[in-house]
PDB file of N, CA and C in Angstrom:
ATOM      1  N   MET A   1       0.987 -24.977  -2.936  1.00  0.00           N
ATOM      2  CA  MET A   1       1.155 -24.042  -2.301  1.00  0.00           C
ATOM      3  C   MET A   1       0.949 -24.179  -0.816  1.00  0.00           C
ATOM      4  N   THR A   2       1.325 -23.601   0.398  1.00  0.00           N
ATOM      5  CA  THR A   2       0.994 -23.009   1.615  1.00  0.00           C
ATOM      6  C   THR A   2       0.419 -21.696   1.975  1.00  0.00           C
ATOM      7  N   PRO A   3      -0.782 -21.539   2.153  1.00  0.00           N
ATOM      8  CA  PRO A   3      -1.253 -20.137   2.312  1.00  0.00           C
ATOM      9  C   PRO A   3      -0.023 -18.919   3.563  1.00  0.00           C
ATOM     10  N   PRO A   4      -0.639 -18.040   2.830  1.00  0.00           N
ATOM     11  CA  PRO A   4       0.812 -17.376   4.385  1.00  0.00           C
ATOM     12  C   PRO A   4       0.110 -17.495   5.706  1.00  0.00           C
ATOM     13  N   ASP A   5       0.918 -17.703   6.500  1.00  0.00           N
ATOM     14  CA  ASP A   5       0.396 -17.865   8.005  1.00  0.00           C
ATOM     15  C   ASP A   5      -0.321 -16.506   8.451  1.00  0.00           C
ATOM     16  N   GLU A   6      -1.423 -16.753   9.135  1.00  0.00           N
ATOM     17  CA  GLU A   6      -2.401 -15.448   9.326  1.00  0.00           C
ATOM     18  C   GLU A   6      -1.886 -14.467  10.412  1.00  0.00           C
ATOM     19  N   ASP A   7      -0.741 -14.865  10.857  1.00  0.00           N
ATOM     20  CA  ASP A   7       0.283 -13.277  12.010  1.00  0.00           C
ATOM     21  C   ASP A   7       1.371 -13.148  11.267  1.00  0.00           C
ATOM     22  N   GLY A   8       2.055 -13.756   9.728  1.00  0.00           N
ATOM     23  CA  GLY A   8       3.251 -13.722   9.534  1.00  0.00           C
ATOM     24  C   GLY A   8       2.878 -12.736   8.165  1.00  0.00           C
ATOM     25  N   PRO A   9       3.924 -12.821   7.502  1.00  0.00           N
ATOM     26  CA  PRO A   9       4.103 -12.061   6.461  1.00  0.00           C
ATOM     27  C   PRO A   9       3.168 -12.226   5.177  1.00  0.00           C
ATOM     28  N   SER A  10       2.756 -11.421   4.636  1.00  0.00           N
ATOM     29  CA  SER A  10       1.614 -12.003   3.462  1.00  0.00           C
ATOM     30  C   SER A  10       2.570 -12.121   2.128  1.00  0.00           C
ATOM     31  N   GLY A  11       3.760 -11.742   1.895  1.00  0.00           N
ATOM     32  CA  GLY A  11       4.393 -11.898   0.647  1.00  0.00           C
ATOM     33  C   GLY A  11       4.405 -10.941  -0.140  1.00  0.00           C
ATOM     34  N   ILE A  12       3.475  -9.429   0.176  1.00  0.00           N
ATOM     35  CA  ILE A  12       3.234  -8.455  -0.906  1.00  0.00           C
ATOM     36  C   ILE A  12       3.466  -7.342  -0.016  1.00  0.00           C
ATOM     37  N   HIS A  13       4.399  -6.342  -0.771  1.00  0.00           N
ATOM     38  CA  HIS A  13       5.021  -5.057  -0.250  1.00  0.00           C
ATOM     39  C   HIS A  13       3.893  -4.318  -0.847  1.00  0.00           C
ATOM     40  N   CYS A  14       3.859  -2.973  -0.166  1.00  0.00           N
ATOM     41  CA  CYS A  14       3.343  -2.221  -0.762  1.00  0.00           C
ATOM     42  C   CYS A  14       4.254  -0.931  -0.685  1.00  0.00           C
ATOM     43  N   ARG A  15       3.650   0.010  -1.920  1.00  0.00           N
ATOM     44  CA  ARG A  15       5.056   0.712  -2.287  1.00  0.00           C
ATOM     45  C   ARG A  15       4.661   2.054  -2.482  1.00  0.00           C
ATOM     46  N   LEU A  16       3.670   2.220  -1.489  1.00  0.00           N
ATOM     47  CA  LEU A  16       3.012   3.770  -0.972  1.00  0.00           C
ATOM     48  C   LEU A  16       4.056   4.327  -0.572  1.00  0.00           C
ATOM     49  N   ASP A  17       5.065   4.086  -0.103  1.00  0.00           N
ATOM     50  CA  ASP A  17       6.615   5.120   0.553  1.00  0.00           C
ATOM     51  C   ASP A  17       6.646   6.067  -0.822  1.00  0.00           C
ATOM     52  N   GLU A  18       7.421   5.030  -1.517  1.00  0.00           N
ATOM     53  CA  GLU A  18       7.750   5.170  -2.753  1.00  0.00           C
ATOM     54  C   GLU A  18       6.964   6.028  -3.834  1.00  0.00           C
ATOM     55  N   LEU A  19       6.061   5.480  -3.921  1.00  0.00           N
ATOM     56  CA  LEU A  19       4.749   6.594  -4.990  1.00  0.00           C
ATOM     57  C   LEU A  19       4.862   8.066  -4.160  1.00  0.00           C
ATOM     58  N   LEU A  20       4.351   8.062  -2.896  1.00  0.00           N
ATOM     59  CA  LEU A  20       4.052   9.287  -2.203  1.00  0.00           C
ATOM     60  C   LEU A  20       5.359  10.086  -2.838  1.00  0.00           C
ATOM     61  N   ALA A  21       6.787   9.834  -2.170  1.00  0.00           N
ATOM     62  CA  ALA A  21       8.043  10.116  -2.586  1.00  0.00           C
ATOM     63  C   ALA A  21       7.768  11.130  -4.051  1.00  0.00           C
ATOM     64  N   ALA A  22       7.599  10.106  -4.415  1.00  0.00           N
ATOM     65  CA  ALA A  22       7.948  10.400  -6.624  1.00  0.00           C
ATOM     66  C   ALA A  22       7.127  11.182  -6.903  1.00  0.00           C
ATOM     67  N   ARG A  23       5.740  11.576  -6.038  1.00  0.00           N
ATOM     68  CA  ARG A  23       4.471  12.121  -6.334  1.00  0.00           C
ATOM     69  C   ARG A  23       4.897  13.888  -5.445  1.00  0.00           C
ATOM     70  N   GLY A  24       5.696  13.799  -4.267  1.00  0.00           N
ATOM     71  CA  GLY A  24       5.849  14.857  -3.206  1.00  0.00           C
ATOM     72  C   GLY A  24       4.859  14.976  -2.616  1.00  0.00           C
ATOM     73  N   MET A  25       4.012  14.163  -2.285  1.00  0.00           N
ATOM     74  CA  MET A  25       2.736  13.852  -1.493  1.00  0.00           C
ATOM     75  C   MET A  25       2.939  13.813   0.188  1.00  0.00           C
ATOM     76  N   THR A  26       2.467  13.947   0.465  1.00  0.00           N
ATOM     77  CA  THR A  26       2.589  13.214   2.268  1.00  0.00           C
ATOM     78  C   THR A  26       1.570  12.380   2.328  1.00  0.00           C
ATOM     79  N   VAL A  27       1.079  11.288   3.390  1.00  0.00           N
ATOM     80  CA  VAL A  27       0.461  10.691   3.487  1.00  0.00           C
ATOM     81  C   VAL A  27      -0.986  11.736   4.275  1.00  0.00           C
ATOM     82  N   THR A  28      -0.603  12.306   4.846  1.00  0.00           N
ATOM     83  CA  THR A  28      -1.762  13.367   5.286  1.00  0.00           C
ATOM     84  C   THR A  28      -2.715  13.941   3.955  1.00  0.00           C
ATOM     85  N   ARG A  29      -2.038  14.337   3.190  1.00  0.00           N
ATOM     86  CA  ARG A  29      -2.735  14.576   1.742  1.00  0.00           C
ATOM     87  C   ARG A  29      -3.490  13.730   1.149  1.00  0.00           C
ATOM     88  N   LEU A  30      -2.620  12.815   1.431  1.00  0.00           N
ATOM     89  CA  LEU A  30      -3.447  11.210   0.732  1.00  0.00           C
ATOM     90  C   LEU A  30      -4.330  11.025   1.535  1.00  0.00           C
ATOM     91  N   SER A  31      -4.281  11.218   2.916  1.00  0.00           N
ATOM     92  CA  SER A  31      -5.654  10.431   3.940  1.00  0.00           C
ATOM     93  C   SER A  31      -6.503  11.713   3.308  1.00  0.00           C
ATOM     94  N   GLU A  32      -6.136  12.737   2.877  1.00  0.00           N
ATOM     95  CA  GLU A  32      -7.841  13.915   2.454  1.00  0.00           C
ATOM     96  C   GLU A  32      -7.942  13.843   1.399  1.00  0.00           C
ATOM     97  N   LEU A  33      -7.397  13.122   0.251  1.00  0.00           N
ATOM     98  CA  LEU A  33      -8.165  12.932  -1.003  1.00  0.00           C
ATOM     99  C   LEU A  33      -8.609  11.765  -0.751  1.00  0.00           C
ATOM    100  N   VAL A  34      -8.242  10.401  -0.186  1.00  0.00           N
ATOM    101  CA  VAL A  34      -8.987   9.035  -0.137  1.00  0.00           C
ATOM    102  C   VAL A  34     -10.108   9.436   0.773  1.00  0.00           C
ATOM    103  N   GLY A  35      -9.954   9.807   1.920  1.00  0.00           N
ATOM    104  CA  GLY A  35     -10.792   9.977   2.730  1.00  0.00           C
ATOM    105  C   GLY A  35     -10.380   8.868   3.693  1.00  0.00           C
ATOM    106  N   VAL A  36      -9.502   8.285   4.187  1.00  0.00           N
ATOM    107  CA  VAL A  36      -8.793   7.152   4.707  1.00  0.00           C
ATOM    108  C   VAL A  36      -8.068   7.822   5.714  1.00  0.00           C
ATOM    109  N   SER A  37      -7.948   7.235   6.961  1.00  0.00           N
ATOM    110  CA  SER A  37      -7.362   8.086   8.110  1.00  0.00           C
ATOM    111  C   SER A  37      -5.293   7.639   8.265  1.00  0.00           C
ATOM    112  N   VAL A  38      -5.084   8.679   8.769  1.00  0.00           N
ATOM    113  CA  VAL A  38      -3.603   8.768   8.230  1.00  0.00           C
ATOM    114  C   VAL A  38      -3.095   7.495   8.991  1.00  0.00           C
ATOM    115  N   VAL A  39      -3.502   7.051   9.923  1.00  0.00           N
ATOM    116  CA  VAL A  39      -2.944   5.312  10.643  1.00  0.00           C
ATOM    117  C   VAL A  39      -3.428   4.476  10.152  1.00  0.00           C
ATOM    118  N   ASN A  40      -4.371   4.229   9.264  1.00  0.00           N
ATOM    119  CA  ASN A  40      -4.908   3.158   8.086  1.00  0.00           C
ATOM    120  C   ASN A  40      -3.694   3.308   7.094  1.00  0.00           C
ATOM    121  N   LEU A  41      -3.346   4.376   6.954  1.00  0.00           N
ATOM    122  CA  LEU A  41      -2.669   4.510   5.509  1.00  0.00           C
ATOM    123  C   LEU A  41      -1.032   3.847   5.649  1.00  0.00           C
ATOM    124  N   SER A  42      -0.846   4.560   7.271  1.00  0.00           N
ATOM    125  CA  SER A  42       0.701   4.101   7.766  1.00  0.00           C
ATOM    126  C   SER A  42       0.474   2.272   7.700  1.00  0.00           C
ATOM    127  N   VAL A  43      -0.507   1.864   8.217  1.00  0.00           N
ATOM    128  CA  VAL A  43      -0.762   0.721   8.100  1.00  0.00           C
ATOM    129  C   VAL A  43      -0.109  -0.206   6.991  1.00  0.00           C
ATOM    130  N   LEU A  44      -0.820   0.135   6.036  1.00  0.00           N
ATOM    131  CA  LEU A  44      -0.860  -0.178   4.896  1.00  0.00           C
ATOM    132  C   LEU A  44       0.559   0.010   4.128  1.00  0.00           C
ATOM    133  N   LYS A  45       1.201   1.350   4.649  1.00  0.00           N
ATOM    134  CA  LYS A  45       2.689   1.724   4.051  1.00  0.00           C
ATOM    135  C   LYS A  45       3.526   0.668   4.700  1.00  0.00           C
ATOM    136  N   ASN A  46       3.598   0.312   5.715  1.00  0.00           N
ATOM    137  CA  ASN A  46       4.524  -0.676   6.794  1.00  0.00           C
ATOM    138  C   ASN A  46       4.198  -1.702   6.477  1.00  0.00           C
ATOM    139  N   ASP A  47       3.678  -2.358   5.467  1.00  0.00           N
ATOM    140  CA  ASP A  47       2.985  -3.895   5.339  1.00  0.00           C
ATOM    141  C   ASP A  47       2.238  -4.526   6.279  1.00  0.00           C
ATOM    142  N   ARG A  48       1.747  -3.783   7.019  1.00  0.00           N
ATOM    143  CA  ARG A  48       1.202  -4.163   7.954  1.00  0.00           C
ATOM    144  C   ARG A  48      -0.436  -4.726   8.286  1.00  0.00           C
ATOM    145  N   ALA A  49      -0.757  -4.167   6.383  1.00  0.00           N
ATOM    146  CA  ALA A  49      -2.451  -4.487   6.530  1.00  0.00           C
ATOM    147  C   ALA A  49      -2.562  -6.124   6.118  1.00  0.00           C
ATOM    148  N   ARG A  50      -3.377  -6.314   6.683  1.00  0.00           N
ATOM    149  CA  ARG A  50      -4.387  -7.994   6.637  1.00  0.00           C
ATOM    150  C   ARG A  50      -4.805  -8.097   5.517  1.00  0.00           C
ATOM    151  N   ALA A  51      -5.972  -6.754   4.933  1.00  0.00           N
ATOM    152  CA  ALA A  51      -6.828  -6.537   4.069  1.00  0.00           C
ATOM    153  C   ALA A  51      -6.917  -5.127   3.767  1.00  0.00           C
ATOM    154  N   ILE A  52      -7.380  -5.186   2.547  1.00  0.00           N
ATOM    155  CA  ILE A  52      -7.473  -3.793   1.839  1.00  0.00           C
ATOM    156  C   ILE A  52      -8.895  -3.996   0.750  1.00  0.00           C
ATOM    157  N   ARG A  53      -9.764  -2.689   0.861  1.00  0.00           N
ATOM    158  CA  ARG A  53     -11.246  -2.926   0.183  1.00  0.00           C
ATOM    159  C   ARG A  53     -10.870  -2.661  -1.241  1.00  0.00           C
ATOM    160  N   TYR A  54     -11.609  -3.218  -1.630  1.00  0.00           N
ATOM    161  CA  TYR A  54     -11.061  -2.727  -3.385  1.00  0.00           C
ATOM    162  C   TYR A  54     -11.692  -1.317  -3.587  1.00  0.00           C
ATOM    163  N   SER A  55     -12.501  -0.533  -3.122  1.00  0.00           N
ATOM    164  CA  SER A  55     -12.932   0.753  -2.647  1.00  0.00           C
ATOM    165  C   SER A  55     -11.533   1.962  -2.349  1.00  0.00           C
ATOM    166  N   THR A  56     -10.984   1.030  -1.553  1.00  0.00           N
ATOM    167  CA  THR A  56      -9.939   2.271  -0.696  1.00  0.00           C
ATOM    168  C   THR A  56      -8.920   1.931  -1.756  1.00  0.00           C
ATOM    169  N   LEU A  57      -8.447   0.847  -2.300  1.00  0.00           N
ATOM    170  CA  LEU A  57      -7.684   0.245  -3.407  1.00  0.00           C
ATOM    171  C   LEU A  57      -7.694   1.073  -4.673  1.00  0.00           C
ATOM    172  N   SER A  58      -8.922   1.401  -5.012  1.00  0.00           N
ATOM    173  CA  SER A  58      -8.601   2.203  -6.235  1.00  0.00           C
ATOM    174  C   SER A  58      -9.171   4.189  -5.853  1.00  0.00           C
ATOM    175  N   ALA A  59      -9.301   4.156  -4.811  1.00  0.00           N
ATOM    176  CA  ALA A  59      -8.942   5.748  -4.541  1.00  0.00           C
ATOM    177  C   ALA A  59      -7.991   6.140  -4.409  1.00  0.00           C
ATOM    178  N   ILE A  60      -6.920   5.076  -3.660  1.00  0.00           N
ATOM    179  CA  ILE A  60      -5.099   5.517  -3.733  1.00  0.00           C
ATOM    180  C   ILE A  60      -4.484   5.625  -4.908  1.00  0.00           C
ATOM    181  N   CYS A  61      -5.480   4.963  -6.006  1.00  0.00           N
ATOM    182  CA  CYS A  61      -4.394   4.531  -7.238  1.00  0.00           C
ATOM    183  C   CYS A  61      -5.012   5.690  -7.837  1.00  0.00           C
ATOM    184  N   ASP A  62      -6.271   6.300  -7.973  1.00  0.00           N
ATOM    185  CA  ASP A  62      -6.807   7.182  -8.372  1.00  0.00           C
ATOM    186  C   ASP A  62      -5.766   8.861  -7.937  1.00  0.00           C
ATOM    187  N   ALA A  63      -5.651   8.737  -6.736  1.00  0.00           N
ATOM    188  CA  ALA A  63      -5.095   9.807  -5.994  1.00  0.00           C
ATOM    189  C   ALA A  63      -3.441   9.994  -6.620  1.00  0.00           C
ATOM    190  N   LEU A  64      -3.220   8.407  -6.797  1.00  0.00           N
ATOM    191  CA  LEU A  64      -1.431   8.903  -6.856  1.00  0.00           C
ATOM    192  C   LEU A  64      -1.718   8.500  -8.846  1.00  0.00           C
ATOM    193  N   ASP A  65      -2.193   8.334  -9.058  1.00  0.00           N
ATOM    194  CA  ASP A  65      -2.366   8.353 -11.088  1.00  0.00           C
ATOM    195  C   ASP A  65      -1.745   7.127 -10.992  1.00  0.00           C
ATOM    196  N   CYS A  66      -2.100   5.912 -10.305  1.00  0.00           N
ATOM    197  CA  CYS A  66      -0.954   4.732 -10.494  1.00  0.00           C
ATOM    198  C   CYS A  66      -2.093   3.762 -10.771  1.00  0.00           C
ATOM    199  N   GLU A  67      -1.544   2.515 -10.997  1.00  0.00           N
ATOM    200  CA  GLU A  67      -2.027   0.767 -11.146  1.00  0.00           C
ATOM    201  C   GLU A  67      -1.989   0.172  -9.979  1.00  0.00           C
ATOM    202  N   VAL A  68      -2.770  -0.521  -9.483  1.00  0.00           N
ATOM    203  CA  VAL A  68      -2.604  -1.621  -8.750  1.00  0.00           C
ATOM    204  C   VAL A  68      -1.179  -2.022  -8.311  1.00  0.00           C
ATOM    205  N   GLY A  69      -0.581  -2.579  -9.370  1.00  0.00           N
ATOM    206  CA  GLY A  69       0.611  -3.201  -9.924  1.00  0.00           C
ATOM    207  C   GLY A  69       1.669  -2.436  -9.634  1.00  0.00           C
ATOM    208  N   ASP A  70       1.372  -1.383  -9.809  1.00  0.00           N
ATOM    209  CA  ASP A  70       2.281   0.148  -9.084  1.00  0.00           C
ATOM    210  C   ASP A  70       2.496   0.271  -7.655  1.00  0.00           C
ATOM    211  N   LEU A  71       1.620  -0.043  -6.755  1.00  0.00           N
ATOM    212  CA  LEU A  71       1.372   0.035  -5.660  1.00  0.00           C
ATOM    213  C   LEU A  71       1.686  -1.090  -4.796  1.00  0.00           C
ATOM    214  N   LEU A  72       0.849  -2.523  -5.184  1.00  0.00           N
ATOM    215  CA  LEU A  72       1.436  -3.749  -4.453  1.00  0.00           C
ATOM    216  C   LEU A  72       1.671  -4.681  -5.363  1.00  0.00           C
ATOM    217  N   VAL A  73       3.193  -5.115  -4.976  1.00  0.00           N
ATOM    218  CA  VAL A  73       3.767  -6.137  -5.746  1.00  0.00           C
ATOM    219  C   VAL A  73       4.271  -7.319  -4.594  1.00  0.00           C
ATOM    220  N   ARG A  74       4.948  -8.146  -4.963  1.00  0.00           N
ATOM    221  CA  ARG A  74       5.359  -9.114  -4.645  1.00  0.00           C
ATOM    222  C   ARG A  74       6.459  -9.503  -3.948  1.00  0.00           C
ATOM    223  N   ALA A  75       6.798  -9.671  -2.408  1.00  0.00           N
ATOM    224  CA  ALA A  75       8.135  -8.823  -1.585  1.00  0.00           C
ATOM    225  C   ALA A  75       9.142  -9.694  -2.349  1.00  0.00           C
ATOM    226  N   GLY A  76       9.957  -8.684  -2.505  1.00  0.00           N
ATOM    227  CA  GLY A  76      11.044  -9.519  -3.467  1.00  0.00           C
ATOM    228  C   GLY A  76      11.350  -8.911  -4.919  1.00  0.00           C
ATOM    229  N   THR A  77      10.010  -8.665  -5.287  1.00  0.00           N
ATOM    230  CA  THR A  77      10.310  -8.194  -6.645  1.00  0.00           C
ATOM    231  C   THR A  77      10.509  -7.164  -7.407  1.00  0.00           C
ATOM    232  N   ASP A  78      10.910  -6.074  -5.944  1.00  0.00           N
ATOM    233  CA  ASP A  78      11.152  -4.767  -6.118  1.00  0.00           C
ATOM    234  C   ASP A  78      12.499  -4.286  -5.542  1.00  0.00           C
ATOM    235  N   GLY A  79      13.089  -5.296  -4.517  1.00  0.00           N
ATOM    236  CA  GLY A  79      14.029  -5.499  -3.778  1.00  0.00           C
ATOM    237  C   GLY A  79      13.881  -4.945  -2.384  1.00  0.00           C
ATOM    238  N   ALA A  80      12.599  -5.314  -2.202  1.00  0.00           N
ATOM    239  CA  ALA A  80      11.736  -5.157  -0.875  1.00  0.00           C
ATOM    240  C   ALA A  80      11.733  -6.131   0.047  1.00  0.00           C
ATOM    241  N   ASP A  81      12.284  -6.850   0.525  1.00  0.00           N
ATOM    242  CA  ASP A  81      12.098  -8.481   1.020  1.00  0.00           C
ATOM    243  C   ASP A  81      11.692  -8.020   2.579  1.00  0.00           C
ATOM    244  N   ARG A  82      10.196  -7.703   2.840  1.00  0.00           N
ATOM    245  CA  ARG A  82       9.894  -7.869   3.961  1.00  0.00           C
ATOM    246  C   ARG A  82       9.380  -9.119   4.525  1.00  0.00           C
TER     247      ARG A  82
END
């Protein structure tokens, strides 16, 4: 299996938009709860992130009351081919 291209898509889709909408929460509010900038959350939300710290991932999941697998999925497994 060939690793993803450094500049290409990772094959991972972030469902942050869907989870925020389901909870009636804004990116700004999540930013306040997690201590991550709105810009960095937007990068994650738009599938542009190249990496994420475990501590950030854990804080987002705590704030959204979800599991990592609810937030990050393989592209194509939830209808989002990015």
